Each structure stands twice: as structure tokens, then as C-alpha cells.
PDB file of N, CA and C in Angstrom:
ATOM      1  N   UNK A   1     105.730 132.228 106.212  1.00  0.00           N
ATOM      2  CA  UNK A   1     107.056 132.952 106.732  1.00  0.00           C
ATOM      3  C   UNK A   1     106.334 134.533 106.709  1.00  0.00           C
ATOM      4  N   UNK A   2     106.868 135.202 107.674  1.00  0.00           N
ATOM      5  CA  UNK A   2     106.545 136.374 107.888  1.00  0.00           C
ATOM      6  C   UNK A   2     107.625 137.253 107.560  1.00  0.00           C
ATOM      7  N   UNK A   3     107.613 138.505 106.737  1.00  0.00           N
ATOM      8  CA  UNK A   3     108.667 139.112 106.319  1.00  0.00           C
ATOM      9  C   UNK A   3     108.487 140.547 106.974  1.00  0.00           C
ATOM     10  N   UNK A   4     109.237 141.193 107.985  1.00  0.00           N
ATOM     11  CA  UNK A   4     109.148 142.235 108.468  1.00  0.00           C
ATOM     12  C   UNK A   4     110.098 143.212 108.297  1.00  0.00           C
ATOM     13  N   UNK A   5     109.529 144.407 107.434  1.00  0.00           N
ATOM     14  CA  UNK A   5     110.387 145.186 106.512  1.00  0.00           C
ATOM     15  C   UNK A   5     109.947 146.920 107.645  1.00  0.00           C
ATOM     16  N   UNK A   6     111.249 147.732 107.337  1.00  0.00           N
ATOM     17  CA  UNK A   6     111.184 148.656 107.873  1.00  0.00           C
ATOM     18  C   UNK A   6     110.171 149.419 107.211  1.00  0.00           C
ATOM     19  N   UNK A   7     109.640 150.680 107.461  1.00  0.00           N
ATOM     20  CA  UNK A   7     108.763 151.543 106.550  1.00  0.00           C
ATOM     21  C   UNK A   7     109.590 152.026 105.189  1.00  0.00           C
ATOM     22  N   UNK A   8     110.695 152.339 105.243  1.00  0.00           N
ATOM     23  CA  UNK A   8     111.763 152.682 104.362  1.00  0.00           C
ATOM     24  C   UNK A   8     112.033 151.760 103.185  1.00  0.00           C
ATOM     25  N   UNK A   9     112.171 150.491 103.921  1.00  0.00           N
ATOM     26  CA  UNK A   9     112.159 149.176 103.175  1.00  0.00           C
ATOM     27  C   UNK A   9     110.858 148.842 102.310  1.00  0.00           C
ATOM     28  N   UNK A  10     109.947 148.973 103.011  1.00  0.00           N
ATOM     29  CA  UNK A  10     108.539 148.957 102.271  1.00  0.00           C
ATOM     30  C   UNK A  10     108.159 149.664 101.325  1.00  0.00           C
ATOM     31  N   UNK A  11     108.520 150.877 101.463  1.00  0.00           N
ATOM     32  CA  UNK A  11     108.227 152.012 100.377  1.00  0.00           C
ATOM     33  C   UNK A  11     109.202 151.604  99.334  1.00  0.00           C
ATOM     34  N   UNK A  12     110.492 151.410  99.593  1.00  0.00           N
ATOM     35  CA  UNK A  12     111.460 151.192  98.453  1.00  0.00           C
ATOM     36  C   UNK A  12     110.799 149.705  97.718  1.00  0.00           C
ATOM     37  N   UNK A  13     110.668 148.731  98.356  1.00  0.00           N
ATOM     38  CA  UNK A  13     109.923 147.570  97.650  1.00  0.00           C
ATOM     39  C   UNK A  13     108.882 148.075  96.758  1.00  0.00           C
ATOM     40  N   UNK A  14     107.817 148.419  97.421  1.00  0.00           N
ATOM     41  CA  UNK A  14     106.624 148.807  96.544  1.00  0.00           C
ATOM     42  C   UNK A  14     106.902 149.790  95.381  1.00  0.00           C
ATOM     43  N   UNK A  15     108.106 150.623  95.534  1.00  0.00           N
ATOM     44  CA  UNK A  15     108.224 151.332  94.632  1.00  0.00           C
ATOM     45  C   UNK A  15     108.795 150.623  93.356  1.00  0.00           C
ATOM     46  N   UNK A  16     109.577 149.844  93.678  1.00  0.00           N
ATOM     47  CA  UNK A  16     110.471 149.089  92.684  1.00  0.00           C
ATOM     48  C   UNK A  16     109.566 147.904  91.956  1.00  0.00           C
ATOM     49  N   UNK A  17     108.610 147.532  92.695  1.00  0.00           N
ATOM     50  CA  UNK A  17     107.411 146.527  92.197  1.00  0.00           C
ATOM     51  C   UNK A  17     106.743 147.560  91.080  1.00  0.00           C
ATOM     52  N   UNK A  18     106.300 148.724  91.487  1.00  0.00           N
ATOM     53  CA  UNK A  18     105.445 149.441  90.707  1.00  0.00           C
ATOM     54  C   UNK A  18     106.174 149.621  89.419  1.00  0.00           C
ATOM     55  N   UNK A  19     107.482 149.931  89.606  1.00  0.00           N
ATOM     56  CA  UNK A  19     108.270 150.289  88.349  1.00  0.00           C
ATOM     57  C   UNK A  19     108.510 149.168  87.503  1.00  0.00           C
ATOM     58  N   UNK A  20     108.462 147.797  88.076  1.00  0.00           N
ATOM     59  CA  UNK A  20     108.800 146.677  87.125  1.00  0.00           C
ATOM     60  C   UNK A  20     107.256 146.221  86.765  1.00  0.00           C
ATOM     61  N   UNK A  21     105.974 146.949  87.233  1.00  0.00           N
ATOM     62  CA  UNK A  21     104.727 146.380  86.776  1.00  0.00           C
ATOM     63  C   UNK A  21     104.763 144.600  87.554  1.00  0.00           C
ATOM     64  N   UNK A  22     105.420 144.495  88.689  1.00  0.00           N
ATOM     65  CA  UNK A  22     105.162 143.209  89.412  1.00  0.00           C
ATOM     66  C   UNK A  22     104.837 143.503  90.525  1.00  0.00           C
ATOM     67  N   UNK A  23     104.318 142.132  91.325  1.00  0.00           N
ATOM     68  CA  UNK A  23     103.995 142.499  92.931  1.00  0.00           C
ATOM     69  C   UNK A  23     105.329 142.456  93.657  1.00  0.00           C
ATOM     70  N   UNK A  24     105.000 143.117  94.787  1.00  0.00           N
ATOM     71  CA  UNK A  24     106.219 143.149  95.690  1.00  0.00           C
ATOM     72  C   UNK A  24     106.651 141.825  96.151  1.00  0.00           C
ATOM     73  N   UNK A  25     105.829 140.865  96.387  1.00  0.00           N
ATOM     74  CA  UNK A  25     105.956 139.338  96.501  1.00  0.00           C
ATOM     75  C   UNK A  25     106.993 138.828  95.633  1.00  0.00           C
ATOM     76  N   UNK A  26     106.448 139.184  94.167  1.00  0.00           N
ATOM     77  CA  UNK A  26     107.518 138.824  93.231  1.00  0.00           C
ATOM     78  C   UNK A  26     109.190 139.328  93.479  1.00  0.00           C
ATOM     79  N   UNK A  27     109.082 140.724  93.721  1.00  0.00           N
ATOM     80  CA  UNK A  27     110.164 141.011  93.758  1.00  0.00           C
ATOM     81  C   UNK A  27     111.027 140.717  94.888  1.00  0.00           C
ATOM     82  N   UNK A  28     110.411 140.303  95.758  1.00  0.00           N
ATOM     83  CA  UNK A  28     111.247 139.955  96.909  1.00  0.00           C
ATOM     84  C   UNK A  28     111.645 138.574  96.990  1.00  0.00           C
ATOM     85  N   UNK A  29     110.768 137.908  96.290  1.00  0.00           N
ATOM     86  CA  UNK A  29     111.225 136.262  96.095  1.00  0.00           C
ATOM     87  C   UNK A  29     112.511 136.023  95.100  1.00  0.00           C
ATOM     88  N   UNK A  30     112.599 136.989  94.327  1.00  0.00           N
ATOM     89  CA  UNK A  30     113.558 136.912  93.437  1.00  0.00           C
ATOM     90  C   UNK A  30     114.952 137.506  93.791  1.00  0.00           C
ATOM     91  N   UNK A  31     114.672 138.391  95.037  1.00  0.00           N
ATOM     92  CA  UNK A  31     115.877 139.291  95.526  1.00  0.00           C
ATOM     93  C   UNK A  31     116.327 138.171  96.347  1.00  0.00           C
ATOM     94  N   UNK A  32     115.414 137.325  96.924  1.00  0.00           N
ATOM     95  CA  UNK A  32     116.365 136.051  97.824  1.00  0.00           C
ATOM     96  C   UNK A  32     116.491 135.265  96.987  1.00  0.00           C
ATOM     97  N   UNK A  33     116.216 134.848  96.015  1.00  0.00           N
ATOM     98  CA  UNK A  33     116.616 133.492  94.964  1.00  0.00           C
ATOM     99  C   UNK A  33     118.282 134.178  94.776  1.00  0.00           C
ATOM    100  N   UNK A  34     118.207 135.449  94.295  1.00  0.00           N
ATOM    101  CA  UNK A  34     119.546 135.997  93.632  1.00  0.00           C
ATOM    102  C   UNK A  34     120.673 136.024  94.741  1.00  0.00           C
ATOM    103  N   UNK A  35     120.145 136.491  95.929  1.00  0.00           N
ATOM    104  CA  UNK A  35     121.129 136.479  97.012  1.00  0.00           C
ATOM    105  C   UNK A  35     121.810 135.047  97.500  1.00  0.00           C
ATOM    106  N   UNK A  36     120.705 133.935  97.423  1.00  0.00           N
ATOM    107  CA  UNK A  36     121.094 132.841  97.927  1.00  0.00           C
ATOM    108  C   UNK A  36     122.141 132.149  96.892  1.00  0.00           C
ATOM    109  N   UNK A  37     121.749 132.571  95.645  1.00  0.00           N
ATOM    110  CA  UNK A  37     122.282 131.882  94.511  1.00  0.00           C
ATOM    111  C   UNK A  37     124.041 132.509  94.397  1.00  0.00           C
ATOM    112  N   UNK A  38     124.094 133.711  94.710  1.00  0.00           N
ATOM    113  CA  UNK A  38     125.094 134.467  94.810  1.00  0.00           C
ATOM    114  C   UNK A  38     126.385 134.077  96.071  1.00  0.00           C
ATOM    115  N   UNK A  39     125.292 134.107  97.323  1.00  0.00           N
ATOM    116  CA  UNK A  39     126.380 133.624  98.413  1.00  0.00           C
ATOM    117  C   UNK A  39     126.761 132.293  98.137  1.00  0.00           C
ATOM    118  N   UNK A  40     126.089 131.485  97.698  1.00  0.00           N
ATOM    119  CA  UNK A  40     126.241 129.899  97.765  1.00  0.00           C
ATOM    120  C   UNK A  40     127.574 129.734  97.013  1.00  0.00           C
ATOM    121  N   UNK A  41     127.538 130.602  95.869  1.00  0.00           N
ATOM    122  CA  UNK A  41     128.636 130.467  94.985  1.00  0.00           C
ATOM    123  C   UNK A  41     129.703 130.973  95.514  1.00  0.00           C
ATOM    124  N   UNK A  42     129.645 131.883  96.198  1.00  0.00           N
ATOM    125  CA  UNK A  42     131.122 132.544  96.867  1.00  0.00           C
ATOM    126  C   UNK A  42     131.457 131.730  97.838  1.00  0.00           C
ATOM    127  N   UNK A  43     130.833 130.873  98.814  1.00  0.00           N
ATOM    128  CA  UNK A  43     131.030 130.262  99.763  1.00  0.00           C
ATOM    129  C   UNK A  43     131.755 128.873  99.020  1.00  0.00           C
ATOM    130  N   UNK A  44     131.156 128.137  98.159  1.00  0.00           N
ATOM    131  CA  UNK A  44     131.522 127.136  97.017  1.00  0.00           C
ATOM    132  C   UNK A  44     133.185 127.493  96.703  1.00  0.00           C
ATOM    133  N   UNK A  45     133.129 128.806  96.216  1.00  0.00           N
ATOM    134  CA  UNK A  45     134.661 129.311  95.714  1.00  0.00           C
ATOM    135  C   UNK A  45     135.413 129.355  96.740  1.00  0.00           C
ATOM    136  N   UNK A  46     135.474 129.913  97.749  1.00  0.00           N
ATOM    137  CA  UNK A  46     136.167 129.710  99.099  1.00  0.00           C
ATOM    138  C   UNK A  46     136.460 128.659  99.495  1.00  0.00           C
ATOM    139  N   UNK A  47     135.639 127.626  99.631  1.00  0.00           N
ATOM    140  CA  UNK A  47     135.954 126.305 100.214  1.00  0.00           C
ATOM    141  C   UNK A  47     136.669 125.918  98.967  1.00  0.00           C
ATOM    142  N   UNK A  48     136.662 125.715  97.685  1.00  0.00           N
ATOM    143  CA  UNK A  48     137.237 125.143  96.781  1.00  0.00           C
ATOM    144  C   UNK A  48     139.134 125.774  96.952  1.00  0.00           C
ATOM    145  N   UNK A  49     139.050 127.071  97.021  1.00  0.00           N
ATOM    146  CA  UNK A  49     140.148 127.886  97.230  1.00  0.00           C
ATOM    147  C   UNK A  49     141.207 127.366  98.248  1.00  0.00           C
ATOM    148  N   UNK A  50     140.227 127.319  99.373  1.00  0.00           N
ATOM    149  CA  UNK A  50     140.862 126.936 100.805  1.00  0.00           C
ATOM    150  C   UNK A  50     141.547 125.312 100.668  1.00  0.00           C
ATOM    151  N   UNK A  51     140.789 124.727 100.110  1.00  0.00           N
ATOM    152  CA  UNK A  51     141.278 123.001 100.066  1.00  0.00           C
ATOM    153  C   UNK A  51     142.246 122.995  98.869  1.00  0.00           C
ATOM    154  N   UNK A  52     141.946 123.573  97.726  1.00  0.00           N
ATOM    155  CA  UNK A  52     142.753 123.377  96.542  1.00  0.00           C
ATOM    156  C   UNK A  52     144.246 124.215  96.586  1.00  0.00           C
ATOM    157  N   UNK A  53     143.978 125.199  97.035  1.00  0.00           N
ATOM    158  CA  UNK A  53     145.658 126.067  97.014  1.00  0.00           C
ATOM    159  C   UNK A  53     146.477 125.748  97.508  1.00  0.00           C
ATOM    160  N   UNK A  54     146.681 125.126  99.021  1.00  0.00           N
ATOM    161  CA  UNK A  54     147.304 124.593  99.577  1.00  0.00           C
ATOM    162  C   UNK A  54     148.017 123.327  98.764  1.00  0.00           C
ATOM    163  N   UNK A  55     147.165 122.525  98.024  1.00  0.00           N
ATOM    164  CA  UNK A  55     147.721 121.145  97.461  1.00  0.00           C
ATOM    165  C   UNK A  55     148.426 121.257  96.368  1.00  0.00           C
ATOM    166  N   UNK A  56     148.114 122.657  95.608  1.00  0.00           N
ATOM    167  CA  UNK A  56     148.926 122.963  94.283  1.00  0.00           C
ATOM    168  C   UNK A  56     149.813 124.220  94.639  1.00  0.00           C
ATOM    169  N   UNK A  57     150.020 124.551  95.551  1.00  0.00           N
ATOM    170  CA  UNK A  57     151.034 125.776  95.943  1.00  0.00           C
ATOM    171  C   UNK A  57     152.057 125.741  95.198  1.00  0.00           C
ATOM    172  N   UNK A  58     152.940 124.656  95.340  1.00  0.00           N
ATOM    173  CA  UNK A  58     154.111 124.385  94.429  1.00  0.00           C
ATOM    174  C   UNK A  58     154.168 124.659  93.160  1.00  0.00           C
ATOM    175  N   UNK A  59     153.060 124.127  92.517  1.00  0.00           N
ATOM    176  CA  UNK A  59     152.890 124.277  91.335  1.00  0.00           C
ATOM    177  C   UNK A  59     152.653 125.679  90.556  1.00  0.00           C
ATOM    178  N   UNK A  60     152.044 126.205  91.436  1.00  0.00           N
ATOM    179  CA  UNK A  60     151.531 127.592  91.268  1.00  0.00           C
ATOM    180  C   UNK A  60     152.674 128.864  91.108  1.00  0.00           C
ATOM    181  N   UNK A  61     153.373 128.245  92.650  1.00  0.00           N
ATOM    182  CA  UNK A  61     154.373 129.052  92.638  1.00  0.00           C
ATOM    183  C   UNK A  61     155.430 128.637  91.212  1.00  0.00           C
ATOM    184  N   UNK A  62     155.912 127.665  90.862  1.00  0.00           N
ATOM    185  CA  UNK A  62     156.508 127.516  89.541  1.00  0.00           C
ATOM    186  C   UNK A  62     156.057 127.968  88.632  1.00  0.00           C
ATOM    187  N   UNK A  63     154.807 128.151  88.346  1.00  0.00           N
ATOM    188  CA  UNK A  63     153.985 128.929  87.117  1.00  0.00           C
ATOM    189  C   UNK A  63     154.447 130.409  87.316  1.00  0.00           C
ATOM    190  N   UNK A  64     154.569 130.780  88.317  1.00  0.00           N
ATOM    191  CA  UNK A  64     154.838 132.290  88.610  1.00  0.00           C
ATOM    192  C   UNK A  64     155.926 132.768  88.371  1.00  0.00           C
ATOM    193  N   UNK A  65     156.823 131.905  88.046  1.00  0.00           N
ATOM    194  CA  UNK A  65     158.336 132.424  88.041  1.00  0.00           C
ATOM    195  C   UNK A  65     158.666 132.700  86.547  1.00  0.00           C
TER     196      UNK A  65
END
């Protein structure tokens, strides 16, 4: 895979890597892992809420009273 960054993105990545005494490769891989993990959780939560809320709407409404 080739990752094409703008000049500004490349500079920012290089600076962050230097700040952390890590390679640009390591910083980029970690960022990708975090992105995928966070978005996967959000999508799962959305799906659970979309499917679960209608099923328990009446019970939730009663609890809210």
C-alpha cells in the first residue's frame, strides 16, 4: 500500500514522530488502528441502538415516567 500525503500532512507526521522518538510508519499505523477501532465501536453502537430501541421503546417510556 502506498500512502500519499500532502506536504503539510507529511510535515505534521514527521514532527509528531520526532516528538515521540518513533518512526513515521509507527505513528501512522497507530493512528489507523485507533481510527478503525473507534469507528467500528461507533457503528456497532449505532446498529444496536437502531435494532434495540424500537424493541424496548415501551419499557423505556415507562421507565421515563
